[in-house]
Every structure is written in C-alpha cells, then in structure tokens.
Amino acid sequence: MGHKGVKMNWDDLQSEKNYGSFFAYRQSKLANVLFTIELADRLKGTNVTVCSLHPGAVKTEIVRTNESSPLSSRLLASIVRPIFSLFGKSSAQGALTSIYCATHEDVPKNPGAYYE
C-alpha cells in the first residue's frame, strides 16, 4: 500500500538492510498516513476525527548536515538549503494546514483524509 506513488517497504520497516535518510523520511511519512487511515477506521462512530497532512516546503533544518555526514548528503543539502530559503514557507505559513485541520468544520466529514 502506498501514497502518491510511494510504497511501504514492509520487509525492512526499520531500514536495517538499506538505509538512506530521504528514503527513511519518506517511509516514516507514509507510515503516518497509513496509521491515520487505520485509526480513523477504528474510531468510526466516535466524536474523534483524525487526519494527516503535509504543510508544504517549510524553512526548517531538515536538510542540515554535519561534517561526519556522507559527501552525497552534504552535497544534496548544499543544493536544497538555498532552494528552501528562497521558496520555502515560513513556520507561520507552514502551520496553516494544521490550523485548518484543527478548526475547519469540513474536516470531521472526511476522517482519515490527507491534507496539503
């Protein structure tokens, strides 16, 4: 099962066989989406609504690396960091999706939904 073309690697959930930071990040995000769908199903008939979301490209330190990181990670970070600083959302802008999910009256009508 996947989301937007990303497939869960059920045979290596902990990335013990093959680790890549961006792959592990994508897998963790997909796991959150799949968990939300299952939780929404289990909470049917209650007054609890769950959803998952992606706030967009927010200026954070997620691409931060240090000198001990592999050269490929440092090179990628050196490319991505300036792009995020130019085109990324501020923290306040990034929070808008979460605020929408917490306050909009239509969200409870779509339990388990994914918002961007």
C-alpha atoms as a PDB file:
ATOM      1  CA  MET A   1       0.000   0.000   0.000  1.00  0.00           C
ATOM      2  CA  GLY A   2       1.303   3.455  -0.815  1.00  0.00           C
ATOM      3  CA  HIS A   3       0.531   7.128  -1.038  1.00  0.00           C
ATOM      4  CA  LYS A   4       1.278   9.275  -4.079  1.00  0.00           C
ATOM      5  CA  GLY A   5       3.484   6.632  -5.667  1.00  0.00           C
ATOM      6  CA  VAL A   6       5.494   5.860  -2.514  1.00  0.00           C
ATOM      7  CA  LYS A   7       5.350   2.238  -1.420  1.00  0.00           C
ATOM      8  CA  MET A   8       5.907   0.956   2.081  1.00  0.00           C
ATOM      9  CA  ASN A   9       8.897  -1.352   2.407  1.00  0.00           C
ATOM     10  CA  TRP A  10       7.260  -3.917   4.700  1.00  0.00           C
ATOM     11  CA  ASP A  11      10.333  -6.172   4.552  1.00  0.00           C
ATOM     12  CA  ASP A  12      12.611  -3.532   6.091  1.00  0.00           C
ATOM     13  CA  LEU A  13      10.491  -1.226   8.263  1.00  0.00           C
ATOM     14  CA  GLN A  14      13.456  -0.133  10.376  1.00  0.00           C
ATOM     15  CA  SER A  15      15.724   0.473   7.324  1.00  0.00           C
ATOM     16  CA  GLU A  16      18.206  -2.006   8.779  1.00  0.00           C
ATOM     17  CA  LYS A  17      19.036  -3.650   5.433  1.00  0.00           C
ATOM     18  CA  ASN A  18      19.346  -0.486   3.393  1.00  0.00           C
ATOM     19  CA  TYR A  19      19.351   2.982   4.946  1.00  0.00           C
ATOM     20  CA  GLY A  20      19.036   6.285   3.132  1.00  0.00           C
ATOM     21  CA  SER A  21      17.967   9.391   5.041  1.00  0.00           C
ATOM     22  CA  PHE A  22      15.478  10.645   2.456  1.00  0.00           C
ATOM     23  CA  PHE A  23      14.079   7.151   1.878  1.00  0.00           C
ATOM     24  CA  ALA A  24      13.659   6.674   5.637  1.00  0.00           C
ATOM     25  CA  TYR A  25      11.966  10.087   5.871  1.00  0.00           C
ATOM     26  CA  ARG A  26       9.525   9.178   3.084  1.00  0.00           C
ATOM     27  CA  GLN A  27       8.794   5.817   4.723  1.00  0.00           C
ATOM     28  CA  SER A  28       8.078   7.485   8.068  1.00  0.00           C
ATOM     29  CA  LYS A  29       5.699   9.963   6.430  1.00  0.00           C
ATOM     30  CA  LEU A  30       3.890   7.140   4.628  1.00  0.00           C
ATOM     31  CA  ALA A  31       3.650   5.202   7.901  1.00  0.00           C
ATOM     32  CA  ASN A  32       1.967   8.244   9.472  1.00  0.00           C
ATOM     33  CA  VAL A  33      -0.585   8.396   6.638  1.00  0.00           C
ATOM     34  CA  LEU A  34      -1.322   4.658   6.844  1.00  0.00           C
ATOM     35  CA  PHE A  35      -1.638   4.873  10.633  1.00  0.00           C
ATOM     36  CA  THR A  36      -4.093   7.763  10.285  1.00  0.00           C
ATOM     37  CA  ILE A  37      -6.271   5.816   7.856  1.00  0.00           C
ATOM     38  CA  GLU A  38      -6.357   2.800  10.188  1.00  0.00           C
ATOM     39  CA  LEU A  39      -7.017   4.939  13.272  1.00  0.00           C
ATOM     40  CA  ALA A  40      -9.863   6.759  11.512  1.00  0.00           C
ATOM     41  CA  ASP A  41     -11.408   3.383  10.692  1.00  0.00           C
ATOM     42  CA  ARG A  42     -11.108   2.215  14.307  1.00  0.00           C
ATOM     43  CA  LEU A  43     -12.652   5.461  15.603  1.00  0.00           C
ATOM     44  CA  LYS A  44     -15.755   5.352  13.383  1.00  0.00           C
ATOM     45  CA  GLY A  45     -18.838   6.205  15.387  1.00  0.00           C
ATOM     46  CA  THR A  46     -16.967   8.279  17.957  1.00  0.00           C
ATOM     47  CA  ASN A  47     -16.609  12.051  18.126  1.00  0.00           C
ATOM     48  CA  VAL A  48     -12.899  11.834  17.321  1.00  0.00           C
ATOM     49  CA  THR A  49     -11.581  12.820  13.901  1.00  0.00           C
ATOM     50  CA  VAL A  50      -8.056  12.138  12.725  1.00  0.00           C
ATOM     51  CA  CYS A  51      -6.275  13.341   9.623  1.00  0.00           C
ATOM     52  CA  SER A  52      -2.753  13.562   8.282  1.00  0.00           C
ATOM     53  CA  LEU A  53      -1.198  16.482   6.495  1.00  0.00           C
ATOM     54  CA  HIS A  54       1.780  17.879   4.676  1.00  0.00           C
ATOM     55  CA  PRO A  55       2.429  21.549   5.420  1.00  0.00           C
ATOM     56  CA  GLY A  56       4.475  22.043   2.257  1.00  0.00           C
ATOM     57  CA  ALA A  57       8.109  23.028   1.960  1.00  0.00           C
ATOM     58  CA  VAL A  58       8.752  24.868   5.218  1.00  0.00           C
ATOM     59  CA  LYS A  59      12.088  26.502   6.003  1.00  0.00           C
ATOM     60  CA  THR A  60      13.446  24.153   8.668  1.00  0.00           C
ATOM     61  CA  GLU A  61      16.724  22.473   9.473  1.00  0.00           C
ATOM     62  CA  ILE A  62      15.667  19.131   7.992  1.00  0.00           C
ATOM     63  CA  VAL A  63      18.443  19.286   5.398  1.00  0.00           C
ATOM     64  CA  ARG A  64      21.062  20.255   7.942  1.00  0.00           C
ATOM     65  CA  THR A  65      24.158  18.088   7.800  1.00  0.00           C
ATOM     66  CA  ASN A  66      27.442  17.957   9.628  1.00  0.00           C
ATOM     67  CA  GLU A  67      30.986  17.171   8.613  1.00  0.00           C
ATOM     68  CA  SER A  68      30.586  13.495   9.501  1.00  0.00           C
ATOM     69  CA  SER A  69      27.695  13.107   7.026  1.00  0.00           C
ATOM     70  CA  PRO A  70      28.471  11.329   3.758  1.00  0.00           C
ATOM     71  CA  LEU A  71      29.612  13.598   0.940  1.00  0.00           C
ATOM     72  CA  SER A  72      26.429  12.858  -1.042  1.00  0.00           C
ATOM     73  CA  SER A  73      24.276  14.106   1.880  1.00  0.00           C
ATOM     74  CA  ARG A  74      26.353  17.263   2.265  1.00  0.00           C
ATOM     75  CA  LEU A  75      26.163  17.972  -1.478  1.00  0.00           C
ATOM     76  CA  LEU A  76      22.414  17.439  -1.582  1.00  0.00           C
ATOM     77  CA  ALA A  77      21.936  19.663   1.474  1.00  0.00           C
ATOM     78  CA  SER A  78      24.051  22.390  -0.142  1.00  0.00           C
ATOM     79  CA  ILE A  79      21.685  22.344  -3.134  1.00  0.00           C
ATOM     80  CA  VAL A  80      18.392  22.008  -1.249  1.00  0.00           C
ATOM     81  CA  ARG A  81      19.085  24.524   1.546  1.00  0.00           C
ATOM     82  CA  PRO A  82      19.253  27.597  -0.762  1.00  0.00           C
ATOM     83  CA  ILE A  83      16.115  26.488  -2.606  1.00  0.00           C
ATOM     84  CA  PHE A  84      14.213  26.172   0.681  1.00  0.00           C
ATOM     85  CA  SER A  85      15.466  29.575   1.810  1.00  0.00           C
ATOM     86  CA  LEU A  86      14.186  31.168  -1.405  1.00  0.00           C
ATOM     87  CA  PHE A  87      10.935  29.294  -1.955  1.00  0.00           C
ATOM     88  CA  GLY A  88      10.083  27.628   1.355  1.00  0.00           C
ATOM     89  CA  LYS A  89       7.222  28.708   3.557  1.00  0.00           C
ATOM     90  CA  SER A  90       7.756  30.424   6.877  1.00  0.00           C
ATOM     91  CA  SER A  91       6.859  28.491  10.024  1.00  0.00           C
ATOM     92  CA  ALA A  92       3.657  30.529  10.319  1.00  0.00           C
ATOM     93  CA  GLN A  93       2.670  29.707   6.727  1.00  0.00           C
ATOM     94  CA  GLY A  94       3.522  26.055   7.282  1.00  0.00           C
ATOM     95  CA  ALA A  95       1.269  25.950  10.336  1.00  0.00           C
ATOM     96  CA  LEU A  96      -1.795  26.965   8.322  1.00  0.00           C
ATOM     97  CA  THR A  97      -2.535  23.404   7.187  1.00  0.00           C
ATOM     98  CA  SER A  98      -2.504  22.180  10.792  1.00  0.00           C
ATOM     99  CA  ILE A  99      -4.712  25.071  11.870  1.00  0.00           C
ATOM    100  CA  TYR A 100      -7.138  24.285   9.053  1.00  0.00           C
ATOM    101  CA  CYS A 101      -7.331  20.639  10.127  1.00  0.00           C
ATOM    102  CA  ALA A 102      -7.905  21.613  13.747  1.00  0.00           C
ATOM    103  CA  THR A 103     -10.589  24.213  13.094  1.00  0.00           C
ATOM    104  CA  HIS A 104     -12.410  23.760   9.773  1.00  0.00           C
ATOM    105  CA  GLU A 105     -15.913  22.335  10.011  1.00  0.00           C
ATOM    106  CA  ASP A 106     -15.473  20.104   6.934  1.00  0.00           C
ATOM    107  CA  VAL A 107     -12.557  18.069   8.373  1.00  0.00           C
ATOM    108  CA  PRO A 108     -14.761  15.804  10.565  1.00  0.00           C
ATOM    109  CA  LYS A 109     -16.699  14.846   7.405  1.00  0.00           C
ATOM    110  CA  ASN A 110     -13.507  13.281   5.971  1.00  0.00           C
ATOM    111  CA  PRO A 111     -11.968  11.075   8.680  1.00  0.00           C
ATOM    112  CA  GLY A 112      -8.554   9.739   7.745  1.00  0.00           C
ATOM    113  CA  ALA A 113      -8.108  12.302   4.968  1.00  0.00           C
ATOM    114  CA  TYR A 114      -4.746  13.700   3.890  1.00  0.00           C
ATOM    115  CA  TYR A 115      -4.392  17.472   3.586  1.00  0.00           C
ATOM    116  CA  GLU A 116      -1.760  19.581   1.828  1.00  0.00           C
END
